[in-house]
Protein backbone atom coordinates (compact mmCIF):
# COMPACT_ATOMS: atom_id res chain seq x y z
CA UNK A 1 185.29 29.37 88.67
CA UNK A 2 184.08 31.23 85.58
CA UNK A 3 181.38 33.83 86.06
CA UNK A 4 178.14 33.64 84.10
CA UNK A 5 177.85 36.47 81.58
CA UNK A 6 174.25 37.62 81.25
CA UNK A 7 172.77 38.57 77.90
CA UNK A 8 171.67 42.25 78.00
CA UNK A 9 169.06 41.48 75.34
CA UNK A 10 167.44 38.67 77.32
CA UNK A 11 166.15 40.10 80.62
CA UNK A 12 164.30 36.85 81.36
CA UNK A 13 167.50 34.80 81.32
CA UNK A 14 167.84 32.89 84.58
CA UNK A 15 170.59 33.63 87.06
CA UNK A 16 172.90 30.77 87.92
CA UNK A 17 172.20 29.09 91.29
CA UNK A 18 173.41 31.31 94.13
CA UNK A 19 175.58 28.42 95.30
CA UNK A 20 177.77 29.25 92.29
CA UNK A 21 178.68 32.65 93.76
CA UNK A 22 182.35 33.26 94.39
CA UNK A 23 183.87 33.15 97.84
CA UNK A 24 186.27 35.93 96.89
CA UNK A 25 185.00 38.50 96.27
CA UNK A 26 182.23 37.19 98.51
CA UNK A 27 178.99 36.65 96.68
CA UNK A 28 179.88 37.72 93.13
CA UNK A 29 177.54 35.62 90.99
CA UNK A 30 177.23 37.03 87.48
CA UNK A 31 178.26 39.88 85.21
CA UNK A 32 176.52 41.94 82.55
CA UNK A 33 172.87 41.84 81.64
CA UNK A 34 170.62 44.84 82.09
CA UNK A 35 168.65 46.78 84.69
CA UNK A 36 165.22 46.10 83.26
CA UNK A 37 162.25 45.62 85.57
CA UNK A 38 162.02 41.89 84.88
CA UNK A 39 165.76 41.41 85.44
CA UNK A 40 165.78 43.33 88.73
CA UNK A 41 162.66 41.66 90.12
CA UNK A 42 164.01 38.25 89.16
CA UNK A 43 167.26 39.12 90.94
CA UNK A 44 165.63 40.15 94.22
CA UNK A 45 163.26 37.21 94.17
CA UNK A 46 166.24 34.85 94.05
CA UNK A 47 168.46 36.60 96.59
CA UNK A 48 170.59 38.56 94.13
CA UNK A 49 171.24 42.29 93.88
CA UNK A 50 173.27 44.59 91.59
CA UNK A 51 176.26 46.58 92.78
CA UNK A 52 179.02 48.00 90.62
CA UNK A 53 181.16 51.08 90.18
CA UNK A 54 180.72 53.60 87.34
CA UNK A 55 182.48 52.42 84.21
CA UNK A 56 182.20 48.75 85.20
CA UNK A 57 179.80 46.19 83.74
CA UNK A 58 176.83 45.35 85.95
CA UNK A 59 177.88 42.98 88.73
CA UNK A 60 175.36 40.73 90.50
CA UNK A 61 175.87 39.57 94.09
CA UNK A 62 174.53 37.02 96.55
CA UNK A 63 176.81 37.06 99.61
CA UNK A 64 176.95 34.37 102.28
CA UNK A 65 176.06 34.99 105.07
CA UNK A 66 173.28 37.51 104.52
CA UNK A 67 172.34 40.34 106.88
CA UNK A 68 168.62 40.42 107.64
CA UNK A 69 166.26 42.01 110.12
CA UNK A 70 163.04 40.40 111.28
CA UNK A 71 160.68 43.34 111.88
CA UNK A 72 159.48 42.03 115.25
CA UNK A 73 163.10 41.97 116.46
CA UNK A 74 163.75 45.69 115.89
CA UNK A 75 165.92 47.33 118.55
CA UNK A 76 165.52 51.07 119.09
CA UNK A 77 168.15 52.67 121.30
CA UNK A 78 167.19 54.87 124.22
CA UNK A 79 168.60 57.95 122.50
CA UNK A 80 166.68 57.25 119.29
CA UNK A 81 163.46 56.69 121.24
CA UNK A 82 164.00 60.09 122.78
CA UNK A 83 164.38 61.64 119.33
CA UNK A 84 161.23 59.89 118.12
CA UNK A 85 159.25 61.16 121.12
CA UNK A 86 160.40 64.70 120.45
CA UNK A 87 158.97 64.47 116.92
CA UNK A 88 161.95 66.40 115.62
CA UNK A 89 161.25 65.01 112.17
CA UNK A 90 158.16 64.13 110.18
CA UNK A 91 158.18 60.94 108.10
CA UNK A 92 156.39 60.17 104.84
CA UNK A 93 156.27 57.22 102.45
CA UNK A 94 156.63 57.35 98.65
CA UNK A 95 156.34 61.14 98.53
CA UNK A 96 159.78 61.97 97.11
CA UNK A 97 161.31 58.82 95.65
CA UNK A 98 163.50 60.51 93.06
CA UNK A 99 164.78 63.04 95.57
CA UNK A 100 165.69 60.25 98.00
CA UNK A 101 167.56 58.08 95.50
CA UNK A 102 169.34 61.16 94.15
CA UNK A 103 170.44 62.11 97.67
CA UNK A 104 171.57 58.52 98.32
CA UNK A 105 173.79 58.84 95.24
CA UNK A 106 175.76 61.74 96.70
CA UNK A 107 179.29 60.60 97.64
CA UNK A 108 179.83 59.83 101.33
CA UNK A 109 182.49 61.63 103.35
CA UNK A 110 184.86 58.66 103.05
CA UNK A 111 184.22 58.12 99.33
CA UNK A 112 184.45 60.07 96.11
CA UNK A 113 182.14 57.92 94.02
CA UNK A 114 178.77 56.22 94.05
CA UNK A 115 177.26 53.04 92.65
CA UNK A 116 173.94 54.80 92.05
CA UNK A 117 174.63 55.89 88.49
CA UNK A 118 172.20 57.63 86.17
CA UNK A 119 171.24 54.21 84.79
CA UNK A 120 170.57 52.84 88.28
CA UNK A 121 168.57 55.93 89.21
CA UNK A 122 166.43 55.55 86.09
CA UNK A 123 165.91 51.81 86.61
CA UNK A 124 164.71 52.17 90.20
CA UNK A 125 162.50 55.12 89.34
CA UNK A 126 160.82 52.82 86.83
CA UNK A 127 160.44 50.18 89.54
CA UNK A 128 158.89 52.84 91.75
CA UNK A 129 156.39 53.83 89.07
CA UNK A 130 155.51 50.15 88.70
CA UNK A 131 154.82 49.89 92.45
CA UNK A 132 157.83 47.79 93.47
CA UNK A 133 160.41 50.32 94.68
CA UNK A 134 159.56 52.56 97.61
CA UNK A 135 161.00 55.41 99.60
CA UNK A 136 160.79 56.71 103.14
CA UNK A 137 161.40 60.42 103.65
CA UNK A 138 162.41 62.32 106.77
CA UNK A 139 161.59 66.03 106.83
CA UNK A 140 162.55 68.95 109.04
CA UNK A 141 160.93 72.33 108.47
CA UNK A 142 159.64 71.05 105.11
CA UNK A 143 163.17 70.17 104.00
CA UNK A 144 164.22 66.63 103.07
CA UNK A 145 166.97 65.72 105.54
CA UNK A 146 167.06 61.92 105.40
CA UNK A 147 165.52 58.82 103.97
CA UNK A 148 165.97 55.45 102.34
CA UNK A 149 164.68 53.37 99.46
CA UNK A 150 164.33 49.73 98.57
CA UNK A 151 162.24 47.11 96.80
CA UNK A 152 159.21 45.26 98.15
CA UNK A 153 158.16 41.79 97.01
CA UNK A 154 155.36 40.06 98.87
CA UNK A 155 156.19 40.24 102.58
CA UNK A 156 159.88 41.03 102.07
CA UNK A 157 161.50 44.46 101.86
CA UNK A 158 164.94 44.66 100.25
CA UNK A 159 166.76 47.72 101.57
CA UNK A 160 169.10 49.46 99.14
CA UNK A 161 170.49 52.74 100.46
CA UNK A 162 169.88 55.53 102.94
CA UNK A 163 171.13 59.06 103.53
CA UNK A 164 170.97 61.85 106.08
CA UNK A 165 171.98 65.49 106.31
CA UNK A 166 170.84 65.86 109.91
CA UNK A 167 171.80 63.65 112.86
CA UNK A 168 169.42 60.70 113.34
CA UNK A 169 167.35 61.55 110.24
CA UNK A 170 168.05 58.23 108.49
CA UNK A 171 167.69 56.31 111.77
CA UNK A 172 164.24 57.80 112.27
CA UNK A 173 163.31 56.83 108.70
CA UNK A 174 164.52 53.26 109.20
CA UNK A 175 162.90 52.73 112.60
CA UNK A 176 159.61 54.19 111.37
CA UNK A 177 159.73 51.98 108.28
CA UNK A 178 160.39 48.79 110.23
CA UNK A 179 157.51 49.43 112.61
CA UNK A 180 155.23 50.21 109.66
CA UNK A 181 156.34 47.09 107.80
CA UNK A 182 155.53 44.98 110.84
CA UNK A 183 152.01 46.43 110.97
CA UNK A 184 151.60 45.67 107.25
CA UNK A 185 152.50 42.02 107.77
CA UNK A 186 156.03 42.04 106.37
CA UNK A 187 158.14 39.19 107.68
CA UNK A 188 161.68 39.99 106.53
CA UNK A 189 163.98 42.91 105.68
CA UNK A 190 167.03 42.19 103.57
CA UNK A 191 169.96 44.35 104.69
CA UNK A 192 172.38 42.67 102.23
CA UNK A 193 175.78 42.91 103.94
CA UNK A 194 176.90 43.42 107.52
CA UNK A 195 177.25 46.88 109.02
CA UNK A 196 177.47 47.78 112.70
CA UNK A 197 174.86 50.46 112.11
CA UNK A 198 172.20 47.96 111.01
CA UNK A 199 173.33 45.41 113.58
CA UNK A 200 172.52 47.98 116.26
CA UNK A 201 168.89 47.84 115.08
CA UNK A 202 168.76 44.09 115.60
CA UNK A 203 169.85 42.89 112.18
CA UNK A 204 171.79 39.64 112.16
CA UNK A 205 173.58 37.43 109.70
CA UNK A 206 172.03 34.18 108.54
CA UNK A 207 173.19 31.44 106.21
CA UNK A 208 172.42 32.17 102.56
CA UNK A 209 170.51 28.92 102.17
CA UNK A 210 168.28 29.94 105.08
CA UNK A 211 167.80 33.33 103.45
CA UNK A 212 166.71 31.77 100.15
CA UNK A 213 164.22 29.56 102.00
CA UNK A 214 162.73 32.66 103.63
CA UNK A 215 162.37 34.31 100.22
CA UNK A 216 160.59 31.21 98.93
CA UNK A 217 158.31 31.37 101.95
CA UNK A 218 157.44 35.09 101.96
CA UNK A 219 158.06 36.73 98.56
CA UNK A 220 154.94 35.35 96.93
CA UNK A 221 152.54 36.15 99.78
CA UNK A 222 151.03 39.64 99.45
CA UNK A 223 151.38 42.13 102.26
CA UNK A 224 148.32 43.99 103.50
CA UNK A 225 146.53 45.87 100.69
CA UNK A 226 147.01 49.18 102.51
CA UNK A 227 150.79 48.88 102.33
CA UNK A 228 152.45 52.01 100.90
CA UNK A 229 149.14 53.76 100.33
CA UNK A 230 149.47 56.17 103.21
CA UNK A 231 150.20 59.87 103.32
């Protein structure tokens, strides 16, 4: 099957139906295009996200199945509950977006590269300024030690990446976020692809068609007005 090549000068160009995504590699749907606000928001709204290595053209994905977490099904382990009770870390929202995405771009121990290029960093910072991309920060002694970022549309949060420099710092950020999202009326968290780490929080895989139906149901319904406007 031939991949759709997106026009970088036409950010409003539609994506092909997600049913056209390849089986191998799983979910590859389109190539090229741009990282403009309209292109990115259109992607998330239709169950598509960008992921590519430096030096490659932009690749757009919609894997099947899809890993999701329903906020009311969050599982917090006994050890993490203990950490939360100790208040080892403080957690904020949207206070250091650029610092979080920059830290997420640092290579992991088992990798030498990152998909969060300068262009990706710039694109998501623009989404943040426009009120669509958000960050959660974990602090210890006034030092940023963990966090995550993602995109919010309606009552759906699309998680992108997380980092930590202290044990449990990203777990605390994620658990705090999920509980906050539930209180704000969010109905779904997109975790993209399966990891044991997210599965331990209660995330589970669902059929892509079911995922798209959930996006149609929840993306266009606003969350509570107070969402993300907390210190």
